[in-house]
């Protein structure tokens, strides 16, 4: 009986799998990608989270967290490793939130903002 070598079977199988995946993606294009510019279902919740993280309350909380975490690191004395790492994590998160909100204020183009 004449059998095919193993490498030839692997090559044929990989071609078959790639062809099936290509057909699946082409078929899914009509279901999911029919209208260009259509909003994806997760865009609205992510936009709400982004607006929450750049709002005035988030800016105030991040400023307070920056001061408290910085004061803890500077004046904390002997901190345990967990407390020090937690303070650094709070400091980094507060800095990121404050930076995003501050850049939004600077480059929003909405004019002067008076607090």
Protein backbone atom coordinates (compact mmCIF):
# COMPACT_ATOMS: atom_id res chain seq x y z
CA UNK A 1 0.00 0.00 0.00
CA UNK A 2 1.33 3.40 -0.95
CA UNK A 3 1.06 5.87 1.94
CA UNK A 4 1.93 9.52 2.02
CA UNK A 5 4.86 10.74 4.11
CA UNK A 6 4.05 12.40 7.42
CA UNK A 7 5.28 15.83 6.31
CA UNK A 8 2.95 15.74 3.30
CA UNK A 9 -0.02 14.94 5.55
CA UNK A 10 0.88 17.78 7.90
CA UNK A 11 1.14 20.19 4.98
CA UNK A 12 -2.22 19.11 3.59
CA UNK A 13 -3.85 19.35 7.00
CA UNK A 14 -2.45 22.82 7.63
CA UNK A 15 -3.69 23.99 4.22
CA UNK A 16 -7.14 22.59 4.97
CA UNK A 17 -7.26 24.33 8.36
CA UNK A 18 -6.13 27.64 6.88
CA UNK A 19 -8.72 27.37 4.10
CA UNK A 20 -11.47 26.64 6.65
CA UNK A 21 -10.41 29.63 8.76
CA UNK A 22 -10.40 31.89 5.70
CA UNK A 23 -13.91 30.75 4.79
CA UNK A 24 -15.08 31.34 8.36
CA UNK A 25 -13.70 34.88 8.41
CA UNK A 26 -15.22 35.70 5.04
CA UNK A 27 -18.58 34.39 6.26
CA UNK A 28 -18.34 36.38 9.49
CA UNK A 29 -17.64 39.60 7.61
CA UNK A 30 -21.25 39.80 6.52
CA UNK A 31 -22.48 39.25 10.07
CA UNK A 32 -20.16 41.58 12.00
CA UNK A 33 -18.53 43.91 9.52
CA UNK A 34 -21.40 44.78 7.22
CA UNK A 35 -21.60 48.48 8.00
CA UNK A 36 -18.40 50.45 8.15
CA UNK A 37 -18.20 52.70 11.15
CA UNK A 38 -20.79 50.76 13.13
CA UNK A 39 -20.30 51.02 16.87
CA UNK A 40 -19.10 47.90 18.60
CA UNK A 41 -21.09 46.75 21.62
CA UNK A 42 -18.31 47.44 24.11
CA UNK A 43 -17.52 50.98 22.94
CA UNK A 44 -20.24 52.72 24.99
CA UNK A 45 -19.20 51.20 28.35
CA UNK A 46 -15.53 51.92 27.65
CA UNK A 47 -16.37 55.51 26.73
CA UNK A 48 -18.26 55.87 30.03
CA UNK A 49 -15.23 54.55 31.94
CA UNK A 50 -12.90 56.92 30.07
CA UNK A 51 -15.15 59.88 30.82
CA UNK A 52 -15.36 58.85 34.48
CA UNK A 53 -11.55 58.66 34.76
CA UNK A 54 -11.07 62.12 33.25
CA UNK A 55 -13.85 63.96 35.08
CA UNK A 56 -13.47 66.53 37.86
CA UNK A 57 -14.16 64.03 40.65
CA UNK A 58 -11.44 61.70 39.38
CA UNK A 59 -9.02 64.64 39.18
CA UNK A 60 -9.76 65.62 42.77
CA UNK A 61 -9.43 62.06 44.07
CA UNK A 62 -6.18 61.55 42.18
CA UNK A 63 -4.71 64.78 43.59
CA UNK A 64 -5.60 63.70 47.13
CA UNK A 65 -4.17 60.22 46.48
CA UNK A 66 -0.96 61.75 45.09
CA UNK A 67 -0.50 63.83 48.23
CA UNK A 68 -1.30 61.02 50.65
CA UNK A 69 0.83 58.37 48.90
CA UNK A 70 3.72 60.80 48.45
CA UNK A 71 3.51 61.84 52.09
CA UNK A 72 3.42 58.21 53.16
CA UNK A 73 6.56 57.44 51.20
CA UNK A 74 8.41 60.55 52.35
CA UNK A 75 7.36 60.70 56.00
CA UNK A 76 6.35 57.08 56.58
CA UNK A 77 9.54 56.04 58.27
CA UNK A 78 10.03 52.31 58.38
CA UNK A 79 7.35 50.78 56.15
CA UNK A 80 6.92 47.13 55.42
CA UNK A 81 7.54 45.93 51.91
CA UNK A 82 3.81 45.49 51.29
CA UNK A 83 2.98 49.01 52.50
CA UNK A 84 5.74 50.54 50.41
CA UNK A 85 4.68 48.68 47.27
CA UNK A 86 1.03 49.56 47.88
CA UNK A 87 1.94 53.23 48.25
CA UNK A 88 3.91 53.15 45.02
CA UNK A 89 1.01 51.45 43.22
CA UNK A 90 -1.46 54.06 44.49
CA UNK A 91 0.97 56.79 43.48
CA UNK A 92 1.33 55.38 39.96
CA UNK A 93 -2.43 54.95 39.45
CA UNK A 94 -3.16 58.43 40.79
CA UNK A 95 -0.48 59.91 38.56
CA UNK A 96 -1.93 58.19 35.48
CA UNK A 97 -5.49 59.33 36.23
CA UNK A 98 -4.35 62.88 37.01
CA UNK A 99 -2.16 62.97 33.90
CA UNK A 100 -5.01 61.84 31.65
CA UNK A 101 -7.38 64.41 33.12
CA UNK A 102 -4.78 67.16 33.02
CA UNK A 103 -3.97 66.46 29.35
CA UNK A 104 -7.67 66.44 28.60
CA UNK A 105 -7.98 69.90 30.15
CA UNK A 106 -4.90 71.23 28.33
CA UNK A 107 -5.67 69.92 24.87
CA UNK A 108 -9.46 69.75 24.80
CA UNK A 109 -9.68 73.09 23.01
CA UNK A 110 -12.65 74.16 25.09
CA UNK A 111 -11.04 77.34 26.36
CA UNK A 112 -10.16 78.25 29.91
CA UNK A 113 -11.51 76.08 32.69
CA UNK A 114 -12.01 77.79 36.05
CA UNK A 115 -12.30 75.57 39.11
